[in-house]
């Protein structure tokens, strides 16, 4: 394995993707490539190194003992390459260039588009990529330059700024209220149709903390995707929870104030410290920070 350092870096990236996902098909999806191409790259790498990297079985691929050694070495190489890339990118002085932003799917639908339109108007030389995902993107490996998080990041070498907290509320569509009426008390609310999550137990835990005895069967309609969840509430499927700013900007929605304290969502901006003061990233950081202020308290 002495020739690992001289191996084509693209082959090592393919190896890491397959090792981390456990199959050629999953690795291909991560790399936006095809399964046969990824398979050929793995075979080339094994031939180059003169070792078998994976055991093939019905459930997918499993690293051999030598493959485990290669994996740890490859991850270290990836970290060093990422650090080099970050330092090089952080030294750029031009405002022009690309900035990649990641946030939750709900924020990407209901909050961020207007902010990016404003940034494009103010800074037309900056090109923006929006990665809408509820997964945690790794800023170290440049999967994103700036992240909008609903939690404080714990990764090292990250700069984070707490912008404030988003207020949540209970809401129902006018069509639902016309059909079922308005709940007047917290006890009354539990007897109404409630839109809940499917496999995510966050709403159940929050309601239990506030004294409601609920289970998954309490909810008449269930969905884990938060954007689709809000569409169900808008359509009149039942009463649901939403970020207050977004809900109050939606036509045909009624705010149900039952006097029940609800949790808030903290909003954090995060970037790698090596990139934070790159001019274009610093500028987008400041514009996002200002643009998100109306949504937080």
C-alpha atoms as a PDB file:
ATOM      1  CA  UNK A   1       0.000   0.000   0.000  1.00  0.00           C
ATOM      2  CA  UNK A   2       3.039   2.312  -0.252  1.00  0.00           C
ATOM      3  CA  UNK A   3       1.714   3.619  -3.580  1.00  0.00           C
ATOM      4  CA  UNK A   4      -1.526   4.948  -2.052  1.00  0.00           C
ATOM      5  CA  UNK A   5      -0.167   8.501  -1.909  1.00  0.00           C
ATOM      6  CA  UNK A   6       0.598   8.428  -5.640  1.00  0.00           C
ATOM      7  CA  UNK A   7      -2.815   7.024  -6.581  1.00  0.00           C
ATOM      8  CA  UNK A   8      -5.238   9.129  -8.608  1.00  0.00           C
ATOM      9  CA  UNK A   9      -7.142  11.189  -5.990  1.00  0.00           C
ATOM     10  CA  UNK A  10     -10.433  10.620  -7.826  1.00  0.00           C
ATOM     11  CA  UNK A  11     -10.116   6.868  -7.199  1.00  0.00           C
ATOM     12  CA  UNK A  12      -9.646   7.488  -3.488  1.00  0.00           C
ATOM     13  CA  UNK A  13     -12.750   9.700  -3.422  1.00  0.00           C
ATOM     14  CA  UNK A  14     -14.746   6.900  -5.058  1.00  0.00           C
ATOM     15  CA  UNK A  15     -13.387   4.406  -2.520  1.00  0.00           C
ATOM     16  CA  UNK A  16     -14.397   6.639   0.396  1.00  0.00           C
ATOM     17  CA  UNK A  17     -17.916   7.117  -0.992  1.00  0.00           C
ATOM     18  CA  UNK A  18     -18.435   3.361  -1.381  1.00  0.00           C
ATOM     19  CA  UNK A  19     -16.870   2.542   1.992  1.00  0.00           C
ATOM     20  CA  UNK A  20     -19.051   5.097   3.792  1.00  0.00           C
ATOM     21  CA  UNK A  21     -22.310   4.150   2.055  1.00  0.00           C
ATOM     22  CA  UNK A  22     -21.775   0.371   1.921  1.00  0.00           C
ATOM     23  CA  UNK A  23     -22.617  -0.273  -1.732  1.00  0.00           C
ATOM     24  CA  UNK A  24     -21.672   0.652  -5.288  1.00  0.00           C
ATOM     25  CA  UNK A  25     -25.145   2.024  -6.021  1.00  0.00           C
ATOM     26  CA  UNK A  26     -25.237   4.250  -2.930  1.00  0.00           C
ATOM     27  CA  UNK A  27     -21.699   5.447  -3.611  1.00  0.00           C
ATOM     28  CA  UNK A  28     -22.667   6.242  -7.194  1.00  0.00           C
ATOM     29  CA  UNK A  29     -25.650   8.304  -6.005  1.00  0.00           C
ATOM     30  CA  UNK A  30     -23.433  10.301  -3.662  1.00  0.00           C
ATOM     31  CA  UNK A  31     -20.947  10.959  -6.469  1.00  0.00           C
ATOM     32  CA  UNK A  32     -23.644  11.599  -9.102  1.00  0.00           C
ATOM     33  CA  UNK A  33     -22.098   8.843 -11.182  1.00  0.00           C
ATOM     34  CA  UNK A  34     -23.211   5.416 -12.428  1.00  0.00           C
ATOM     35  CA  UNK A  35     -22.822   2.095 -10.636  1.00  0.00           C
ATOM     36  CA  UNK A  36     -20.733   0.484 -13.444  1.00  0.00           C
ATOM     37  CA  UNK A  37     -18.347   3.464 -13.459  1.00  0.00           C
ATOM     38  CA  UNK A  38     -17.917   3.334  -9.693  1.00  0.00           C
ATOM     39  CA  UNK A  39     -17.375  -0.416  -9.881  1.00  0.00           C
ATOM     40  CA  UNK A  40     -14.630   0.031 -12.483  1.00  0.00           C
ATOM     41  CA  UNK A  41     -12.919   2.656 -10.333  1.00  0.00           C
ATOM     42  CA  UNK A  42     -12.935   0.352  -7.300  1.00  0.00           C
ATOM     43  CA  UNK A  43     -11.477  -2.465  -9.394  1.00  0.00           C
ATOM     44  CA  UNK A  44      -8.773  -0.129 -10.735  1.00  0.00           C
ATOM     45  CA  UNK A  45      -7.870   0.972  -7.212  1.00  0.00           C
ATOM     46  CA  UNK A  46      -7.671  -2.618  -5.970  1.00  0.00           C
ATOM     47  CA  UNK A  47      -5.425  -3.517  -8.924  1.00  0.00           C
ATOM     48  CA  UNK A  48      -3.218  -0.469  -8.323  1.00  0.00           C
ATOM     49  CA  UNK A  49      -2.803  -1.239  -4.624  1.00  0.00           C
ATOM     50  CA  UNK A  50      -2.611  -4.993  -5.148  1.00  0.00           C
ATOM     51  CA  UNK A  51      -5.138  -5.718  -2.398  1.00  0.00           C
ATOM     52  CA  UNK A  52      -8.790  -6.671  -2.065  1.00  0.00           C
ATOM     53  CA  UNK A  53     -10.593  -3.756  -0.426  1.00  0.00           C
ATOM     54  CA  UNK A  54     -14.113  -5.159  -0.091  1.00  0.00           C
ATOM     55  CA  UNK A  55     -15.898  -8.408   0.657  1.00  0.00           C
ATOM     56  CA  UNK A  56     -18.866  -8.738  -1.696  1.00  0.00           C
ATOM     57  CA  UNK A  57     -22.079 -10.152  -0.213  1.00  0.00           C
ATOM     58  CA  UNK A  58     -25.817  -9.969  -0.809  1.00  0.00           C
ATOM     59  CA  UNK A  59     -26.331  -6.977   1.500  1.00  0.00           C
ATOM     60  CA  UNK A  60     -23.640  -4.898  -0.181  1.00  0.00           C
ATOM     61  CA  UNK A  61     -19.929  -4.363   0.393  1.00  0.00           C
ATOM     62  CA  UNK A  62     -17.919  -4.722   3.567  1.00  0.00           C
ATOM     63  CA  UNK A  63     -14.350  -3.537   4.031  1.00  0.00           C
ATOM     64  CA  UNK A  64     -11.673  -6.208   4.332  1.00  0.00           C
ATOM     65  CA  UNK A  65      -9.083  -5.884   7.078  1.00  0.00           C
ATOM     66  CA  UNK A  66      -6.688  -4.271   4.593  1.00  0.00           C
ATOM     67  CA  UNK A  67      -9.576  -2.171   3.317  1.00  0.00           C
ATOM     68  CA  UNK A  68     -10.059  -0.808   6.826  1.00  0.00           C
ATOM     69  CA  UNK A  69      -6.407   0.266   6.894  1.00  0.00           C
ATOM     70  CA  UNK A  70      -6.748   1.945   3.518  1.00  0.00           C
ATOM     71  CA  UNK A  71      -9.964   3.623   4.660  1.00  0.00           C
ATOM     72  CA  UNK A  72      -8.311   5.264   7.686  1.00  0.00           C
ATOM     73  CA  UNK A  73      -5.385   6.433   5.554  1.00  0.00           C
ATOM     74  CA  UNK A  74      -7.737   7.733   2.855  1.00  0.00           C
ATOM     75  CA  UNK A  75      -9.810   9.649   5.411  1.00  0.00           C
ATOM     76  CA  UNK A  76      -6.642  11.312   6.702  1.00  0.00           C
ATOM     77  CA  UNK A  77      -5.716  12.225   3.112  1.00  0.00           C
ATOM     78  CA  UNK A  78      -9.208  13.630   2.611  1.00  0.00           C
ATOM     79  CA  UNK A  79      -8.878  15.797   5.713  1.00  0.00           C
ATOM     80  CA  UNK A  80      -5.509  17.145   4.571  1.00  0.00           C
ATOM     81  CA  UNK A  81      -6.840  17.843   1.068  1.00  0.00           C
ATOM     82  CA  UNK A  82      -9.863  19.607   2.549  1.00  0.00           C
ATOM     83  CA  UNK A  83      -7.687  21.727   4.811  1.00  0.00           C
ATOM     84  CA  UNK A  84      -5.516  22.681   1.830  1.00  0.00           C
ATOM     85  CA  UNK A  85      -8.576  23.566  -0.236  1.00  0.00           C
ATOM     86  CA  UNK A  86     -10.059  25.599   2.604  1.00  0.00           C
ATOM     87  CA  UNK A  87      -6.842  27.540   3.136  1.00  0.00           C
ATOM     88  CA  UNK A  88      -6.528  28.258  -0.577  1.00  0.00           C
ATOM     89  CA  UNK A  89     -10.159  29.316  -0.839  1.00  0.00           C
ATOM     90  CA  UNK A  90      -9.906  31.377   2.328  1.00  0.00           C
ATOM     91  CA  UNK A  91      -7.037  33.362   0.832  1.00  0.00           C
ATOM     92  CA  UNK A  92      -9.111  34.552  -2.131  1.00  0.00           C
ATOM     93  CA  UNK A  93      -9.690  38.304  -2.165  1.00  0.00           C
ATOM     94  CA  UNK A  94     -12.237  38.763  -4.949  1.00  0.00           C
ATOM     95  CA  UNK A  95     -15.893  39.299  -4.136  1.00  0.00           C
ATOM     96  CA  UNK A  96     -16.894  37.381  -7.272  1.00  0.00           C
ATOM     97  CA  UNK A  97     -17.380  33.621  -7.036  1.00  0.00           C
ATOM     98  CA  UNK A  98     -19.635  30.867  -5.720  1.00  0.00           C
ATOM     99  CA  UNK A  99     -21.146  30.526  -2.254  1.00  0.00           C
ATOM    100  CA  UNK A 100     -22.914  27.300  -1.283  1.00  0.00           C
ATOM    101  CA  UNK A 101     -25.608  27.576   1.391  1.00  0.00           C
ATOM    102  CA  UNK A 102     -27.366  24.709   3.140  1.00  0.00           C
ATOM    103  CA  UNK A 103     -30.517  24.810   5.243  1.00  0.00           C
ATOM    104  CA  UNK A 104     -33.543  22.675   6.092  1.00  0.00           C
ATOM    105  CA  UNK A 105     -36.052  21.828   3.390  1.00  0.00           C
ATOM    106  CA  UNK A 106     -38.725  23.948   5.115  1.00  0.00           C
ATOM    107  CA  UNK A 107     -36.464  27.007   5.317  1.00  0.00           C
ATOM    108  CA  UNK A 108     -35.449  26.457   1.697  1.00  0.00           C
ATOM    109  CA  UNK A 109     -39.105  26.572   0.635  1.00  0.00           C
ATOM    110  CA  UNK A 110     -40.480  29.337   2.819  1.00  0.00           C
ATOM    111  CA  UNK A 111     -37.671  31.633   3.979  1.00  0.00           C
ATOM    112  CA  UNK A 112     -34.407  31.466   2.070  1.00  0.00           C
ATOM    113  CA  UNK A 113     -35.507  32.136  -1.567  1.00  0.00           C
ATOM    114  CA  UNK A 114     -36.415  35.766  -0.814  1.00  0.00           C
ATOM    115  CA  UNK A 115     -33.107  36.209   1.012  1.00  0.00           C
ATOM    116  CA  UNK A 116     -31.120  34.859  -1.928  1.00  0.00           C
ATOM    117  CA  UNK A 117     -33.016  37.071  -4.353  1.00  0.00           C
ATOM    118  CA  UNK A 118     -32.052  40.064  -2.228  1.00  0.00           C
ATOM    119  CA  UNK A 119     -28.404  38.956  -2.132  1.00  0.00           C
ATOM    120  CA  UNK A 120     -28.341  38.554  -5.909  1.00  0.00           C
ATOM    121  CA  UNK A 121     -29.722  42.080  -6.311  1.00  0.00           C
ATOM    122  CA  UNK A 122     -27.082  43.559  -4.018  1.00  0.00           C
ATOM    123  CA  UNK A 123     -24.145  41.396  -5.122  1.00  0.00           C
ATOM    124  CA  UNK A 124     -24.647  40.205  -8.733  1.00  0.00           C
ATOM    125  CA  UNK A 125     -21.044  38.941  -8.946  1.00  0.00           C
ATOM    126  CA  UNK A 126     -21.735  36.310  -6.288  1.00  0.00           C
ATOM    127  CA  UNK A 127     -23.313  33.078  -7.542  1.00  0.00           C
ATOM    128  CA  UNK A 128     -25.329  31.087  -5.031  1.00  0.00           C
ATOM    129  CA  UNK A 129     -25.932  27.352  -4.590  1.00  0.00           C
ATOM    130  CA  UNK A 130     -28.778  26.291  -2.284  1.00  0.00           C
ATOM    131  CA  UNK A 131     -28.606  22.816  -0.768  1.00  0.00           C
ATOM    132  CA  UNK A 132     -32.001  22.036   0.752  1.00  0.00           C
ATOM    133  CA  UNK A 133     -31.638  19.092   3.107  1.00  0.00           C
ATOM    134  CA  UNK A 134     -32.549  18.023   6.621  1.00  0.00           C
ATOM    135  CA  UNK A 135     -29.298  16.050   6.806  1.00  0.00           C
ATOM    136  CA  UNK A 136     -26.221  17.541   8.445  1.00  0.00           C
ATOM    137  CA  UNK A 137     -23.838  18.714   5.732  1.00  0.00           C
ATOM    138  CA  UNK A 138     -20.132  18.649   6.510  1.00  0.00           C
ATOM    139  CA  UNK A 139     -18.691  22.152   6.198  1.00  0.00           C
ATOM    140  CA  UNK A 140     -15.154  20.775   6.596  1.00  0.00           C
ATOM    141  CA  UNK A 141     -15.376  18.952   3.271  1.00  0.00           C
ATOM    142  CA  UNK A 142     -16.862  22.004   1.484  1.00  0.00           C
ATOM    143  CA  UNK A 143     -20.271  20.402   0.997  1.00  0.00           C
ATOM    144  CA  UNK A 144     -21.464  23.887   1.962  1.00  0.00           C
ATOM    145  CA  UNK A 145     -19.805  27.211   2.755  1.00  0.00           C
ATOM    146  CA  UNK A 146     -22.508  28.550   5.084  1.00  0.00           C
ATOM    147  CA  UNK A 147     -25.111  26.569   7.007  1.00  0.00           C
ATOM    148  CA  UNK A 148     -28.348  27.813   8.552  1.00  0.00           C
ATOM    149  CA  UNK A 149     -28.915  25.457  11.474  1.00  0.00           C
ATOM    150  CA  UNK A 150     -31.644  24.963  14.063  1.00  0.00           C
ATOM    151  CA  UNK A 151     -29.055  23.856  16.603  1.00  0.00           C
ATOM    152  CA  UNK A 152     -25.614  24.940  17.765  1.00  0.00           C
ATOM    153  CA  UNK A 153     -22.947  23.122  15.755  1.00  0.00           C
ATOM    154  CA  UNK A 154     -20.466  20.999  17.688  1.00  0.00           C
ATOM    155  CA  UNK A 155     -17.814  20.558  14.993  1.00  0.00           C
ATOM    156  CA  UNK A 156     -14.356  21.964  15.683  1.00  0.00           C
ATOM    157  CA  UNK A 157     -12.936  24.810  13.583  1.00  0.00           C
ATOM    158  CA  UNK A 158     -16.403  26.259  13.046  1.00  0.00           C
ATOM    159  CA  UNK A 159     -17.598  29.810  13.620  1.00  0.00           C
ATOM    160  CA  UNK A 160     -21.229  30.025  14.695  1.00  0.00           C
ATOM    161  CA  UNK A 161     -23.523  32.970  15.367  1.00  0.00           C
ATOM    162  CA  UNK A 162     -26.816  32.649  17.223  1.00  0.00           C
ATOM    163  CA  UNK A 163     -29.261  34.919  15.385  1.00  0.00           C
ATOM    164  CA  UNK A 164     -32.207  34.374  17.719  1.00  0.00           C
ATOM    165  CA  UNK A 165     -35.124  31.982  18.087  1.00  0.00           C
ATOM    166  CA  UNK A 166     -38.052  31.269  15.787  1.00  0.00           C
ATOM    167  CA  UNK A 167     -41.453  31.300  17.486  1.00  0.00           C
ATOM    168  CA  UNK A 168     -43.761  28.342  16.846  1.00  0.00           C
ATOM    169  CA  UNK A 169     -47.539  28.376  16.949  1.00  0.00           C
ATOM    170  CA  UNK A 170     -50.692  26.311  16.469  1.00  0.00           C
ATOM    171  CA  UNK A 171     -52.599  26.952  13.258  1.00  0.00           C
ATOM    172  CA  UNK A 172     -55.583  25.753  11.271  1.00  0.00           C
ATOM    173  CA  UNK A 173     -56.965  26.504   7.836  1.00  0.00           C
ATOM    174  CA  UNK A 174     -60.197  28.475   7.564  1.00  0.00           C
ATOM    175  CA  UNK A 175     -61.712  25.478   5.782  1.00  0.00           C
ATOM    176  CA  UNK A 176     -60.966  23.255   8.781  1.00  0.00           C
ATOM    177  CA  UNK A 177     -62.390  25.760  11.270  1.00  0.00           C
ATOM    178  CA  UNK A 178     -65.550  26.088   9.157  1.00  0.00           C
ATOM    179  CA  UNK A 179     -65.974  22.332   9.377  1.00  0.00           C
ATOM    180  CA  UNK A 180     -64.907  21.601  12.968  1.00  0.00           C
ATOM    181  CA  UNK A 181     -64.925  24.933  14.784  1.00  0.00           C
ATOM    182  CA  UNK A 182     -62.261  26.491  16.986  1.00  0.00           C
ATOM    183  CA  UNK A 183     -60.832  24.770  20.070  1.00  0.00           C
ATOM    184  CA  UNK A 184     -61.305  27.035  23.074  1.00  0.00           C
ATOM    185  CA  UNK A 185     -59.014  25.343  25.599  1.00  0.00           C
ATOM    186  CA  UNK A 186     -56.013  22.990  25.589  1.00  0.00           C
ATOM    187  CA  UNK A 187     -58.372  20.192  26.666  1.00  0.00           C
ATOM    188  CA  UNK A 188     -60.654  20.997  23.734  1.00  0.00           C
ATOM    189  CA  UNK A 189     -57.716  20.996  21.316  1.00  0.00           C
ATOM    190  CA  UNK A 190     -56.811  17.366  21.968  1.00  0.00           C
ATOM    191  CA  UNK A 191     -60.246  16.291  20.693  1.00  0.00           C
ATOM    192  CA  UNK A 192     -59.717  17.984  17.334  1.00  0.00           C
ATOM    193  CA  UNK A 193     -58.027  16.584  14.228  1.00  0.00           C
ATOM    194  CA  UNK A 194     -54.282  17.081  14.658  1.00  0.00           C
ATOM    195  CA  UNK A 195     -51.660  16.781  11.929  1.00  0.00           C
ATOM    196  CA  UNK A 196     -48.607  15.020  13.329  1.00  0.00           C
ATOM    197  CA  UNK A 197     -45.363  13.402  12.285  1.00  0.00           C
ATOM    198  CA  UNK A 198     -45.107   9.818  11.081  1.00  0.00           C
ATOM    199  CA  UNK A 199     -41.869   8.302  12.415  1.00  0.00           C
ATOM    200  CA  UNK A 200     -40.434  11.431  13.997  1.00  0.00           C
ATOM    201  CA  UNK A 201     -41.529  11.582  17.653  1.00  0.00           C
ATOM    202  CA  UNK A 202     -40.694  15.281  18.189  1.00  0.00           C
ATOM    203  CA  UNK A 203     -44.324  16.452  18.370  1.00  0.00           C
ATOM    204  CA  UNK A 204     -45.269  13.590  20.677  1.00  0.00           C
ATOM    205  CA  UNK A 205     -42.412  14.415  23.053  1.00  0.00           C
ATOM    206  CA  UNK A 206     -43.212  18.143  23.012  1.00  0.00           C
ATOM    207  CA  UNK A 207     -46.924  17.584  23.666  1.00  0.00           C
ATOM    208  CA  UNK A 208     -46.161  15.071  26.419  1.00  0.00           C
ATOM    209  CA  UNK A 209     -43.873  17.629  28.067  1.00  0.00           C
ATOM    210  CA  UNK A 210     -46.852  20.014  28.183  1.00  0.00           C
ATOM    211  CA  UNK A 211     -49.143  17.495  29.852  1.00  0.00           C
ATOM    212  CA  UNK A 212     -50.985  16.002  26.882  1.00  0.00           C
ATOM    213  CA  UNK A 213     -51.261  12.226  26.785  1.00  0.00           C
ATOM    214  CA  UNK A 214     -50.670  11.453  23.096  1.00  0.00           C
ATOM    215  CA  UNK A 215     -49.400   8.669  20.868  1.00  0.00           C
ATOM    216  CA  UNK A 216     -48.910   8.345  17.136  1.00  0.00           C
ATOM    217  CA  UNK A 217     -52.564   7.274  16.871  1.00  0.00           C
ATOM    218  CA  UNK A 218     -53.621  10.676  18.223  1.00  0.00           C
ATOM    219  CA  UNK A 219     -52.868  12.222  14.833  1.00  0.00           C
ATOM    220  CA  UNK A 220     -55.406  11.924  12.053  1.00  0.00           C
ATOM    221  CA  UNK A 221     -52.851  12.686   9.296  1.00  0.00           C
ATOM    222  CA  UNK A 222     -49.092  12.128   9.580  1.00  0.00           C
ATOM    223  CA  UNK A 223     -46.074  13.269   7.575  1.00  0.00           C
ATOM    224  CA  UNK A 224     -42.394  13.735   8.465  1.00  0.00           C
ATOM    225  CA  UNK A 225     -41.548  16.128   5.631  1.00  0.00           C
ATOM    226  CA  UNK A 226     -42.137  19.546   7.156  1.00  0.00           C
ATOM    227  CA  UNK A 227     -43.004  21.307   3.904  1.00  0.00           C
ATOM    228  CA  UNK A 228     -45.565  18.652   3.002  1.00  0.00           C
ATOM    229  CA  UNK A 229     -46.749  18.751   6.638  1.00  0.00           C
ATOM    230  CA  UNK A 230     -47.555  22.454   6.311  1.00  0.00           C
ATOM    231  CA  UNK A 231     -49.372  21.852   3.015  1.00  0.00           C
ATOM    232  CA  UNK A 232     -51.592  19.337   4.834  1.00  0.00           C
ATOM    233  CA  UNK A 233     -52.477  21.964   7.443  1.00  0.00           C
ATOM    234  CA  UNK A 234     -53.167  24.550   4.714  1.00  0.00           C
ATOM    235  CA  UNK A 235     -55.433  22.078   2.943  1.00  0.00           C
ATOM    236  CA  UNK A 236     -57.608  21.726   6.070  1.00  0.00           C
ATOM    237  CA  UNK A 237     -56.540  18.250   7.188  1.00  0.00           C
ATOM    238  CA  UNK A 238     -56.311  19.388  10.796  1.00  0.00           C
ATOM    239  CA  UNK A 239     -54.566  21.630  13.314  1.00  0.00           C
ATOM    240  CA  UNK A 240     -50.794  21.761  13.084  1.00  0.00           C
ATOM    241  CA  UNK A 241     -47.622  23.440  14.258  1.00  0.00           C
ATOM    242  CA  UNK A 242     -45.604  25.900  12.182  1.00  0.00           C
ATOM    243  CA  UNK A 243     -43.081  28.713  12.374  1.00  0.00           C
ATOM    244  CA  UNK A 244     -45.166  31.749  13.250  1.00  0.00           C
ATOM    245  CA  UNK A 245     -43.726  34.160  10.692  1.00  0.00           C
ATOM    246  CA  UNK A 246     -44.350  31.744   7.825  1.00  0.00           C
ATOM    247  CA  UNK A 247     -47.834  30.800   9.035  1.00  0.00           C
ATOM    248  CA  UNK A 248     -49.005  34.386   9.482  1.00  0.00           C
ATOM    249  CA  UNK A 249     -47.861  35.209   5.943  1.00  0.00           C
ATOM    250  CA  UNK A 250     -50.095  32.432   4.563  1.00  0.00           C
ATOM    251  CA  UNK A 251     -53.569  33.292   3.320  1.00  0.00           C
ATOM    252  CA  UNK A 252     -56.492  31.406   4.846  1.00  0.00           C
ATOM    253  CA  UNK A 253     -54.675  30.442   8.059  1.00  0.00           C
ATOM    254  CA  UNK A 254     -55.957  31.114  11.586  1.00  0.00           C
ATOM    255  CA  UNK A 255     -53.639  31.474  14.590  1.00  0.00           C
ATOM    256  CA  UNK A 256     -54.906  29.392  17.525  1.00  0.00           C
ATOM    257  CA  UNK A 257     -53.747  30.990  20.750  1.00  0.00           C
ATOM    258  CA  UNK A 258     -54.631  28.502  23.488  1.00  0.00           C
ATOM    259  CA  UNK A 259     -52.228  29.943  26.033  1.00  0.00           C
ATOM    260  CA  UNK A 260     -49.926  26.947  25.801  1.00  0.00           C
ATOM    261  CA  UNK A 261     -46.187  27.752  25.793  1.00  0.00           C
ATOM    262  CA  UNK A 262     -44.468  26.179  22.790  1.00  0.00           C
ATOM    263  CA  UNK A 263     -40.761  25.504  22.236  1.00  0.00           C
ATOM    264  CA  UNK A 264     -38.737  27.814  20.017  1.00  0.00           C
ATOM    265  CA  UNK A 265     -36.256  26.985  17.267  1.00  0.00           C
ATOM    266  CA  UNK A 266     -32.781  28.491  17.668  1.00  0.00           C
ATOM    267  CA  UNK A 267     -31.233  29.781  14.447  1.00  0.00           C
ATOM    268  CA  UNK A 268     -27.470  29.600  13.951  1.00  0.00           C
ATOM    269  CA  UNK A 269     -25.278  30.697  11.058  1.00  0.00           C
ATOM    270  CA  UNK A 270     -22.218  28.480  10.700  1.00  0.00           C
ATOM    271  CA  UNK A 271     -19.115  28.532   8.517  1.00  0.00           C
ATOM    272  CA  UNK A 272     -15.637  27.062   8.652  1.00  0.00           C
ATOM    273  CA  UNK A 273     -13.247  29.510  10.313  1.00  0.00           C
ATOM    274  CA  UNK A 274     -10.832  29.271   7.360  1.00  0.00           C
ATOM    275  CA  UNK A 275     -13.575  30.491   5.022  1.00  0.00           C
ATOM    276  CA  UNK A 276     -15.498  32.920   7.220  1.00  0.00           C
ATOM    277  CA  UNK A 277     -13.491  35.997   6.221  1.00  0.00           C
ATOM    278  CA  UNK A 278     -13.262  35.249   2.513  1.00  0.00           C
ATOM    279  CA  UNK A 279     -14.831  38.416   1.051  1.00  0.00           C
ATOM    280  CA  UNK A 280     -17.742  36.806  -0.795  1.00  0.00           C
ATOM    281  CA  UNK A 281     -18.574  34.451   2.087  1.00  0.00           C
ATOM    282  CA  UNK A 282     -18.274  37.219   4.630  1.00  0.00           C
ATOM    283  CA  UNK A 283     -20.615  39.367   2.534  1.00  0.00           C
ATOM    284  CA  UNK A 284     -23.229  36.599   2.153  1.00  0.00           C
ATOM    285  CA  UNK A 285     -22.902  35.805   5.879  1.00  0.00           C
ATOM    286  CA  UNK A 286     -23.712  39.419   6.774  1.00  0.00           C
ATOM    287  CA  UNK A 287     -26.631  39.615   4.327  1.00  0.00           C
ATOM    288  CA  UNK A 288     -28.114  36.339   5.602  1.00  0.00           C
ATOM    289  CA  UNK A 289     -27.701  37.513   9.187  1.00  0.00           C
ATOM    290  CA  UNK A 290     -29.579  40.739   8.423  1.00  0.00           C
ATOM    291  CA  UNK A 291     -32.193  39.016   6.278  1.00  0.00           C
ATOM    292  CA  UNK A 292     -33.087  36.445   8.917  1.00  0.00           C
ATOM    293  CA  UNK A 293     -33.676  39.008  11.654  1.00  0.00           C
ATOM    294  CA  UNK A 294     -37.429  39.448  10.915  1.00  0.00           C
ATOM    295  CA  UNK A 295     -37.911  35.694  11.479  1.00  0.00           C
ATOM    296  CA  UNK A 296     -36.303  35.493  14.912  1.00  0.00           C
ATOM    297  CA  UNK A 297     -36.931  37.061  18.297  1.00  0.00           C
END
